[in-house]
């Protein structure tokens, strides 16, 4: 019979724990290298966002409308010019 001693069991448990720790460290380093800024997955996401930004029209910001309204109210002689700019 091949009996396992307590010292061998503790040694085997320690080696198994060490192997698990090394596996976790290697997996986390690999995941970090894939997901970090400048990594391959980040580049794919960035390309997708750039494509969407190229396709969509530029947004009209509320501040632009507020500026046009303020300028039109301050200078009533250019009211029609501001109205034309708003509709284009």
PDB file of N, CA and C in Angstrom:
ATOM      1  N   UNK A   1       0.816  -1.183   0.000  1.00  0.00           N
ATOM      2  CA  UNK A   1       0.000   0.000   0.000  1.00  0.00           C
ATOM      3  C   UNK A   1       0.867   1.256   0.000  1.00  0.00           C
ATOM      4  N   UNK A   2       0.381   2.201  -0.788  1.00  0.00           N
ATOM      5  CA  UNK A   2       1.094   3.472  -0.872  1.00  0.00           C
ATOM      6  C   UNK A   2       0.329   4.501  -0.054  1.00  0.00           C
ATOM      7  N   UNK A   3       0.818   4.753   1.123  1.00  0.00           N
ATOM      8  CA  UNK A   3       0.153   5.701   2.013  1.00  0.00           C
ATOM      9  C   UNK A   3       0.735   7.095   1.810  1.00  0.00           C
ATOM     10  N   UNK A   4      -0.165   8.056   1.871  1.00  0.00           N
ATOM     11  CA  UNK A   4       0.268   9.449   1.754  1.00  0.00           C
ATOM     12  C   UNK A   4       0.461  10.002   3.169  1.00  0.00           C
ATOM     13  N   UNK A   5       1.567  10.640   3.357  1.00  0.00           N
ATOM     14  CA  UNK A   5       1.843  11.205   4.674  1.00  0.00           C
ATOM     15  C   UNK A   5       1.291  12.626   4.741  1.00  0.00           C
ATOM     16  N   UNK A   6       1.233  13.141   5.922  1.00  0.00           N
ATOM     17  CA  UNK A   6       0.727  14.499   6.118  1.00  0.00           C
ATOM     18  C   UNK A   6       1.640  15.512   5.440  1.00  0.00           C
ATOM     19  N   UNK A   7       2.937  15.300   5.517  1.00  0.00           N
ATOM     20  CA  UNK A   7       3.868  16.240   4.889  1.00  0.00           C
ATOM     21  C   UNK A   7       3.714  16.240   3.369  1.00  0.00           C
ATOM     22  N   UNK A   8       3.490  15.044   2.777  1.00  0.00           N
ATOM     23  CA  UNK A   8       3.285  14.978   1.325  1.00  0.00           C
ATOM     24  C   UNK A   8       1.957  15.628   0.941  1.00  0.00           C
ATOM     25  N   UNK A   9       0.928  15.466   1.739  1.00  0.00           N
ATOM     26  CA  UNK A   9      -0.370  16.079   1.465  1.00  0.00           C
ATOM     27  C   UNK A   9      -0.274  17.603   1.534  1.00  0.00           C
ATOM     28  N   UNK A  10       0.444  18.109   2.538  1.00  0.00           N
ATOM     29  CA  UNK A  10       0.626  19.554   2.668  1.00  0.00           C
ATOM     30  C   UNK A  10       1.443  20.082   1.499  1.00  0.00           C
ATOM     31  N   UNK A  11       2.473  19.356   1.089  1.00  0.00           N
ATOM     32  CA  UNK A  11       3.302  19.765  -0.039  1.00  0.00           C
ATOM     33  C   UNK A  11       2.467  19.771  -1.333  1.00  0.00           C
ATOM     34  N   UNK A  12       1.654  18.751  -1.539  1.00  0.00           N
ATOM     35  CA  UNK A  12       0.816  18.686  -2.739  1.00  0.00           C
ATOM     36  C   UNK A  12      -0.208  19.822  -2.738  1.00  0.00           C
ATOM     37  N   UNK A  13      -0.801  20.107  -1.589  1.00  0.00           N
ATOM     38  CA  UNK A  13      -1.751  21.218  -1.492  1.00  0.00           C
ATOM     39  C   UNK A  13      -1.061  22.550  -1.787  1.00  0.00           C
ATOM     40  N   UNK A  14       0.148  22.718  -1.289  1.00  0.00           N
ATOM     41  CA  UNK A  14       0.913  23.947  -1.552  1.00  0.00           C
ATOM     42  C   UNK A  14       1.236  24.104  -3.032  1.00  0.00           C
ATOM     43  N   UNK A  15       1.633  23.007  -3.689  1.00  0.00           N
ATOM     44  CA  UNK A  15       1.941  23.061  -5.117  1.00  0.00           C
ATOM     45  C   UNK A  15       0.680  23.367  -5.939  1.00  0.00           C
ATOM     46  N   UNK A  16      -0.437  22.771  -5.545  1.00  0.00           N
ATOM     47  CA  UNK A  16      -1.700  23.027  -6.232  1.00  0.00           C
ATOM     48  C   UNK A  16      -2.133  24.487  -6.060  1.00  0.00           C
ATOM     49  N   UNK A  17      -1.969  25.011  -4.866  1.00  0.00           N
ATOM     50  CA  UNK A  17      -2.294  26.419  -4.607  1.00  0.00           C
ATOM     51  C   UNK A  17      -1.380  27.341  -5.403  1.00  0.00           C
ATOM     52  N   UNK A  18      -0.093  27.026  -5.449  1.00  0.00           N
ATOM     53  CA  UNK A  18       0.857  27.830  -6.210  1.00  0.00           C
ATOM     54  C   UNK A  18       0.535  27.791  -7.705  1.00  0.00           C
ATOM     55  N   UNK A  19       0.187  26.622  -8.223  1.00  0.00           N
ATOM     56  CA  UNK A  19      -0.170  26.507  -9.635  1.00  0.00           C
ATOM     57  C   UNK A  19      -1.431  27.322  -9.935  1.00  0.00           C
ATOM     58  N   UNK A  20      -2.395  27.303  -9.038  1.00  0.00           N
ATOM     59  CA  UNK A  20      -3.610  28.097  -9.216  1.00  0.00           C
ATOM     60  C   UNK A  20      -3.325  29.587  -9.201  1.00  0.00           C
ATOM     61  N   UNK A  21      -2.457  30.015  -8.301  1.00  0.00           N
ATOM     62  CA  UNK A  21      -2.081  31.424  -8.223  1.00  0.00           C
ATOM     63  C   UNK A  21      -1.370  31.866  -9.491  1.00  0.00           C
ATOM     64  N   UNK A  22      -0.472  31.044  -9.979  1.00  0.00           N
ATOM     65  CA  UNK A  22       0.244  31.378 -11.226  1.00  0.00           C
ATOM     66  C   UNK A  22      -0.739  31.443 -12.397  1.00  0.00           C
ATOM     67  N   UNK A  23      -1.699  30.527 -12.439  1.00  0.00           N
ATOM     68  CA  UNK A  23      -2.696  30.539 -13.514  1.00  0.00           C
ATOM     69  C   UNK A  23      -3.542  31.812 -13.463  1.00  0.00           C
ATOM     70  N   UNK A  24      -3.922  32.252 -12.281  1.00  0.00           N
ATOM     71  CA  UNK A  24      -4.711  33.480 -12.137  1.00  0.00           C
ATOM     72  C   UNK A  24      -3.899  34.687 -12.579  1.00  0.00           C
ATOM     73  N   UNK A  25      -2.633  34.742 -12.212  1.00  0.00           N
ATOM     74  CA  UNK A  25      -1.777  35.866 -12.600  1.00  0.00           C
ATOM     75  C   UNK A  25      -1.591  35.911 -14.111  1.00  0.00           C
ATOM     76  N   UNK A  26      -1.340  34.760 -14.720  1.00  0.00           N
ATOM     77  CA  UNK A  26      -1.151  34.716 -16.177  1.00  0.00           C
ATOM     78  C   UNK A  26      -2.444  35.117 -16.893  1.00  0.00           C
ATOM     79  N   UNK A  27      -3.577  34.609 -16.433  1.00  0.00           N
ATOM     80  CA  UNK A  27      -4.856  34.937 -17.072  1.00  0.00           C
ATOM     81  C   UNK A  27      -5.190  36.419 -16.924  1.00  0.00           C
ATOM     82  N   UNK A  28      -4.919  36.992 -15.767  1.00  0.00           N
ATOM     83  CA  UNK A  28      -5.225  38.411 -15.577  1.00  0.00           C
ATOM     84  C   UNK A  28      -4.311  39.298 -16.410  1.00  0.00           C
ATOM     85  N   UNK A  29      -3.041  38.924 -16.541  1.00  0.00           N
ATOM     86  CA  UNK A  29      -2.129  39.695 -17.392  1.00  0.00           C
ATOM     87  C   UNK A  29      -2.550  39.622 -18.856  1.00  0.00           C
ATOM     88  N   UNK A  30      -2.981  38.452 -19.309  1.00  0.00           N
ATOM     89  CA  UNK A  30      -3.446  38.309 -20.686  1.00  0.00           C
ATOM     90  C   UNK A  30      -4.707  39.147 -20.921  1.00  0.00           C
ATOM     91  N   UNK A  31      -5.645  39.079 -19.990  1.00  0.00           N
ATOM     92  CA  UNK A  31      -6.878  39.848 -20.122  1.00  0.00           C
ATOM     93  C   UNK A  31      -6.584  41.340 -20.122  1.00  0.00           C
ATOM     94  N   UNK A  32      -5.698  41.789 -19.270  1.00  0.00           N
ATOM     95  CA  UNK A  32      -5.341  43.197 -19.219  1.00  0.00           C
ATOM     96  C   UNK A  32      -4.684  43.655 -20.513  1.00  0.00           C
ATOM     97  N   UNK A  33      -3.819  42.822 -21.083  1.00  0.00           N
ATOM     98  CA  UNK A  33      -3.166  43.206 -22.338  1.00  0.00           C
ATOM     99  C   UNK A  33      -4.162  43.282 -23.485  1.00  0.00           C
ATOM    100  N   UNK A  34      -5.227  42.499 -23.437  1.00  0.00           N
ATOM    101  CA  UNK A  34      -6.252  42.532 -24.487  1.00  0.00           C
ATOM    102  C   UNK A  34      -7.198  43.720 -24.317  1.00  0.00           C
ATOM    103  N   UNK A  35      -7.513  44.083 -23.087  1.00  0.00           N
ATOM    104  CA  UNK A  35      -8.543  45.080 -22.820  1.00  0.00           C
ATOM    105  C   UNK A  35      -8.023  46.488 -22.580  1.00  0.00           C
ATOM    106  N   UNK A  36      -6.735  46.666 -22.365  1.00  0.00           N
ATOM    107  CA  UNK A  36      -6.227  47.987 -22.020  1.00  0.00           C
ATOM    108  C   UNK A  36      -6.358  48.953 -23.199  1.00  0.00           C
ATOM    109  N   UNK A  37      -6.244  50.244 -22.898  1.00  0.00           N
ATOM    110  CA  UNK A  37      -6.279  51.262 -23.935  1.00  0.00           C
ATOM    111  C   UNK A  37      -5.084  51.046 -24.857  1.00  0.00           C
ATOM    112  N   UNK A  38      -5.353  50.931 -26.143  1.00  0.00           N
ATOM    113  CA  UNK A  38      -4.308  50.639 -27.111  1.00  0.00           C
ATOM    114  C   UNK A  38      -4.223  49.162 -27.440  1.00  0.00           C
ATOM    115  N   UNK A  39      -5.001  48.339 -26.745  1.00  0.00           N
ATOM    116  CA  UNK A  39      -5.026  46.907 -27.010  1.00  0.00           C
ATOM    117  C   UNK A  39      -5.917  46.596 -28.202  1.00  0.00           C
ATOM    118  N   UNK A  40      -5.933  45.343 -28.645  1.00  0.00           N
ATOM    119  CA  UNK A  40      -6.691  44.985 -29.846  1.00  0.00           C
ATOM    120  C   UNK A  40      -8.209  45.153 -29.703  1.00  0.00           C
ATOM    121  N   UNK A  41      -8.768  44.852 -28.546  1.00  0.00           N
ATOM    122  CA  UNK A  41     -10.218  45.012 -28.367  1.00  0.00           C
ATOM    123  C   UNK A  41     -10.577  46.493 -28.311  1.00  0.00           C
ATOM    124  N   UNK A  42      -9.751  47.287 -27.668  1.00  0.00           N
ATOM    125  CA  UNK A  42      -9.978  48.734 -27.620  1.00  0.00           C
ATOM    126  C   UNK A  42      -9.937  49.328 -29.020  1.00  0.00           C
ATOM    127  N   UNK A  43      -9.003  48.884 -29.836  1.00  0.00           N
ATOM    128  CA  UNK A  43      -8.906  49.403 -31.197  1.00  0.00           C
ATOM    129  C   UNK A  43     -10.149  49.080 -32.014  1.00  0.00           C
ATOM    130  N   UNK A  44     -10.718  47.882 -31.839  1.00  0.00           N
ATOM    131  CA  UNK A  44     -11.947  47.525 -32.548  1.00  0.00           C
ATOM    132  C   UNK A  44     -13.104  48.412 -32.109  1.00  0.00           C
ATOM    133  N   UNK A  45     -13.213  48.658 -30.813  1.00  0.00           N
ATOM    134  CA  UNK A  45     -14.281  49.520 -30.297  1.00  0.00           C
ATOM    135  C   UNK A  45     -14.106  50.938 -30.824  1.00  0.00           C
ATOM    136  N   UNK A  46     -12.865  51.413 -30.843  1.00  0.00           N
ATOM    137  CA  UNK A  46     -12.584  52.766 -31.313  1.00  0.00           C
ATOM    138  C   UNK A  46     -12.924  52.910 -32.789  1.00  0.00           C
ATOM    139  N   UNK A  47     -12.594  51.910 -33.598  1.00  0.00           N
ATOM    140  CA  UNK A  47     -12.931  51.967 -35.015  1.00  0.00           C
ATOM    141  C   UNK A  47     -14.440  52.008 -35.216  1.00  0.00           C
ATOM    142  N   UNK A  48     -15.179  51.245 -34.442  1.00  0.00           N
ATOM    143  CA  UNK A  48     -16.638  51.267 -34.528  1.00  0.00           C
ATOM    144  C   UNK A  48     -17.200  52.623 -34.154  1.00  0.00           C
ATOM    145  N   UNK A  49     -16.670  53.228 -33.102  1.00  0.00           N
ATOM    146  CA  UNK A  49     -17.134  54.551 -32.688  1.00  0.00           C
ATOM    147  C   UNK A  49     -16.786  55.608 -33.726  1.00  0.00           C
ATOM    148  N   UNK A  50     -15.616  55.499 -34.339  1.00  0.00           N
ATOM    149  CA  UNK A  50     -15.233  56.443 -35.386  1.00  0.00           C
ATOM    150  C   UNK A  50     -16.158  56.320 -36.589  1.00  0.00           C
ATOM    151  N   UNK A  51     -16.545  55.108 -36.937  1.00  0.00           N
ATOM    152  CA  UNK A  51     -17.457  54.897 -38.050  1.00  0.00           C
ATOM    153  C   UNK A  51     -18.814  55.525 -37.764  1.00  0.00           C
ATOM    154  N   UNK A  52     -19.323  55.325 -36.567  1.00  0.00           N
ATOM    155  CA  UNK A  52     -20.613  55.914 -36.200  1.00  0.00           C
ATOM    156  C   UNK A  52     -20.515  57.437 -36.213  1.00  0.00           C
ATOM    157  N   UNK A  53     -19.411  57.992 -35.730  1.00  0.00           N
ATOM    158  CA  UNK A  53     -19.239  59.442 -35.712  1.00  0.00           C
ATOM    159  C   UNK A  53     -19.164  60.000 -37.129  1.00  0.00           C
ATOM    160  N   UNK A  54     -18.621  59.241 -38.070  1.00  0.00           N
ATOM    161  CA  UNK A  54     -18.542  59.703 -39.450  1.00  0.00           C
ATOM    162  C   UNK A  54     -19.909  59.646 -40.131  1.00  0.00           C
ATOM    163  N   UNK A  55     -20.747  58.707 -39.740  1.00  0.00           N
ATOM    164  CA  UNK A  55     -22.040  58.530 -40.394  1.00  0.00           C
ATOM    165  C   UNK A  55     -23.081  59.523 -39.870  1.00  0.00           C
ATOM    166  N   UNK A  56     -23.105  59.744 -38.570  1.00  0.00           N
ATOM    167  CA  UNK A  56     -24.129  60.594 -37.975  1.00  0.00           C
ATOM    168  C   UNK A  56     -23.886  62.066 -38.287  1.00  0.00           C
ATOM    169  N   UNK A  57     -24.957  62.833 -38.468  1.00  0.00           N
ATOM    170  CA  UNK A  57     -24.784  64.280 -38.666  1.00  0.00           C
ATOM    171  C   UNK A  57     -24.384  64.931 -37.345  1.00  0.00           C
ATOM    172  N   UNK A  58     -23.767  66.092 -37.420  1.00  0.00           N
ATOM    173  CA  UNK A  58     -23.378  66.753 -36.170  1.00  0.00           C
ATOM    174  C   UNK A  58     -24.615  67.185 -35.387  1.00  0.00           C
ATOM    175  N   UNK A  59     -24.567  67.066 -34.082  1.00  0.00           N
ATOM    176  CA  UNK A  59     -25.730  67.438 -33.271  1.00  0.00           C
ATOM    177  C   UNK A  59     -25.888  68.955 -33.181  1.00  0.00           C
ATOM    178  N   UNK A  60     -27.119  69.393 -33.019  1.00  0.00           N
ATOM    179  CA  UNK A  60     -27.366  70.810 -32.777  1.00  0.00           C
ATOM    180  C   UNK A  60     -27.451  70.998 -31.266  1.00  0.00           C
ATOM    181  N   UNK A  61     -26.557  71.774 -30.757  1.00  0.00           N
ATOM    182  CA  UNK A  61     -26.493  71.961 -29.320  1.00  0.00           C
ATOM    183  C   UNK A  61     -27.457  73.059 -28.885  1.00  0.00           C
ATOM    184  N   UNK A  62     -27.956  72.942 -27.692  1.00  0.00           N
ATOM    185  CA  UNK A  62     -28.895  73.913 -27.141  1.00  0.00           C
ATOM    186  C   UNK A  62     -28.227  75.272 -27.018  1.00  0.00           C
ATOM    187  N   UNK A  63     -26.942  75.292 -26.738  1.00  0.00           N
ATOM    188  CA  UNK A  63     -26.244  76.564 -26.550  1.00  0.00           C
ATOM    189  C   UNK A  63     -26.222  77.382 -27.835  1.00  0.00           C
ATOM    190  N   UNK A  64     -26.192  76.702 -28.999  1.00  0.00           N
ATOM    191  CA  UNK A  64     -26.206  77.434 -30.261  1.00  0.00           C
ATOM    192  C   UNK A  64     -27.541  78.141 -30.466  1.00  0.00           C
ATOM    193  N   UNK A  65     -28.635  77.468 -30.171  1.00  0.00           N
ATOM    194  CA  UNK A  65     -29.950  78.089 -30.296  1.00  0.00           C
ATOM    195  C   UNK A  65     -30.091  79.247 -29.311  1.00  0.00           C
ATOM    196  N   UNK A  66     -29.590  79.067 -28.107  1.00  0.00           N
ATOM    197  CA  UNK A  66     -29.645  80.129 -27.103  1.00  0.00           C
ATOM    198  C   UNK A  66     -28.833  81.337 -27.561  1.00  0.00           C
ATOM    199  N   UNK A  67     -27.671  81.105 -28.142  1.00  0.00           N
ATOM    200  CA  UNK A  67     -26.826  82.191 -28.634  1.00  0.00           C
ATOM    201  C   UNK A  67     -27.527  82.951 -29.751  1.00  0.00           C
ATOM    202  N   UNK A  68     -28.114  82.223 -30.690  1.00  0.00           N
ATOM    203  CA  UNK A  68     -28.817  82.882 -31.789  1.00  0.00           C
ATOM    204  C   UNK A  68     -29.984  83.711 -31.279  1.00  0.00           C
ATOM    205  N   UNK A  69     -30.751  83.196 -30.345  1.00  0.00           N
ATOM    206  CA  UNK A  69     -31.886  83.934 -29.789  1.00  0.00           C
ATOM    207  C   UNK A  69     -31.412  85.170 -29.045  1.00  0.00           C
ATOM    208  N   UNK A  70     -30.336  85.041 -28.291  1.00  0.00           N
ATOM    209  CA  UNK A  70     -29.802  86.177 -27.546  1.00  0.00           C
ATOM    210  C   UNK A  70     -29.297  87.250 -28.495  1.00  0.00           C
ATOM    211  N   UNK A  71     -28.567  86.865 -29.537  1.00  0.00           N
ATOM    212  CA  UNK A  71     -28.060  87.836 -30.506  1.00  0.00           C
ATOM    213  C   UNK A  71     -29.198  88.515 -31.256  1.00  0.00           C
ATOM    214  N   UNK A  72     -30.236  87.757 -31.586  1.00  0.00           N
ATOM    215  CA  UNK A  72     -31.371  88.339 -32.298  1.00  0.00           C
ATOM    216  C   UNK A  72     -32.110  89.349 -31.428  1.00  0.00           C
ATOM    217  N   UNK A  73     -32.216  89.052 -30.132  1.00  0.00           N
ATOM    218  CA  UNK A  73     -32.906  89.987 -29.245  1.00  0.00           C
ATOM    219  C   UNK A  73     -32.067  91.230 -28.950  1.00  0.00           C
ATOM    220  N   UNK A  74     -30.760  91.107 -28.936  1.00  0.00           N
ATOM    221  CA  UNK A  74     -29.900  92.245 -28.645  1.00  0.00           C
ATOM    222  C   UNK A  74     -29.797  93.187 -29.841  1.00  0.00           C
ATOM    223  N   UNK A  75     -29.774  92.642 -31.046  1.00  0.00           N
ATOM    224  CA  UNK A  75     -29.634  93.459 -32.251  1.00  0.00           C
ATOM    225  C   UNK A  75     -30.826  93.163 -33.156  1.00  0.00           C
ATOM    226  N   UNK A  76     -31.896  93.969 -32.985  1.00  0.00           N
ATOM    227  CA  UNK A  76     -33.143  93.702 -33.701  1.00  0.00           C
ATOM    228  C   UNK A  76     -33.007  93.946 -35.198  1.00  0.00           C
ATOM    229  N   UNK A  77     -32.017  94.720 -35.624  1.00  0.00           N
ATOM    230  CA  UNK A  77     -31.858  94.980 -37.060  1.00  0.00           C
ATOM    231  C   UNK A  77     -31.397  93.728 -37.809  1.00  0.00           C
ATOM    232  N   UNK A  78     -30.701  92.811 -37.114  1.00  0.00           N
ATOM    233  CA  UNK A  78     -30.242  91.578 -37.756  1.00  0.00           C
ATOM    234  C   UNK A  78     -31.137  90.392 -37.406  1.00  0.00           C
ATOM    235  N   UNK A  79     -32.384  90.682 -37.010  1.00  0.00           N
ATOM    236  CA  UNK A  79     -33.314  89.623 -36.602  1.00  0.00           C
ATOM    237  C   UNK A  79     -33.581  88.636 -37.729  1.00  0.00           C
ATOM    238  N   UNK A  80     -33.763  89.132 -38.939  1.00  0.00           N
ATOM    239  CA  UNK A  80     -34.061  88.227 -40.062  1.00  0.00           C
ATOM    240  C   UNK A  80     -32.849  87.367 -40.410  1.00  0.00           C
ATOM    241  N   UNK A  81     -31.645  87.903 -40.262  1.00  0.00           N
ATOM    242  CA  UNK A  81     -30.435  87.098 -40.542  1.00  0.00           C
ATOM    243  C   UNK A  81     -30.313  85.956 -39.564  1.00  0.00           C
ATOM    244  N   UNK A  82     -30.625  86.211 -38.304  1.00  0.00           N
ATOM    245  CA  UNK A  82     -30.565  85.144 -37.300  1.00  0.00           C
ATOM    246  C   UNK A  82     -31.656  84.118 -37.525  1.00  0.00           C
ATOM    247  N   UNK A  83     -32.835  84.578 -37.980  1.00  0.00           N
ATOM    248  CA  UNK A  83     -33.915  83.645 -38.295  1.00  0.00           C
ATOM    249  C   UNK A  83     -33.566  82.762 -39.470  1.00  0.00           C
ATOM    250  N   UNK A  84     -32.905  83.332 -40.486  1.00  0.00           N
ATOM    251  CA  UNK A  84     -32.479  82.539 -41.646  1.00  0.00           C
ATOM    252  C   UNK A  84     -31.413  81.521 -41.261  1.00  0.00           C
ATOM    253  N   UNK A  85     -30.528  81.912 -40.393  1.00  0.00           N
ATOM    254  CA  UNK A  85     -29.460  81.002 -39.976  1.00  0.00           C
ATOM    255  C   UNK A  85     -30.030  79.833 -39.187  1.00  0.00           C
ATOM    256  N   UNK A  86     -31.055  80.062 -38.417  1.00  0.00           N
ATOM    257  CA  UNK A  86     -31.676  79.023 -37.603  1.00  0.00           C
ATOM    258  C   UNK A  86     -32.355  77.970 -38.483  1.00  0.00           C
ATOM    259  N   UNK A  87     -32.968  78.388 -39.561  1.00  0.00           N
ATOM    260  CA  UNK A  87     -33.700  77.437 -40.397  1.00  0.00           C
ATOM    261  C   UNK A  87     -32.794  76.653 -41.336  1.00  0.00           C
ATOM    262  N   UNK A  88     -31.564  77.069 -41.530  1.00  0.00           N
ATOM    263  CA  UNK A  88     -30.673  76.325 -42.447  1.00  0.00           C
ATOM    264  C   UNK A  88     -29.873  75.285 -41.754  1.00  0.00           C
TER     265      UNK A  88
END
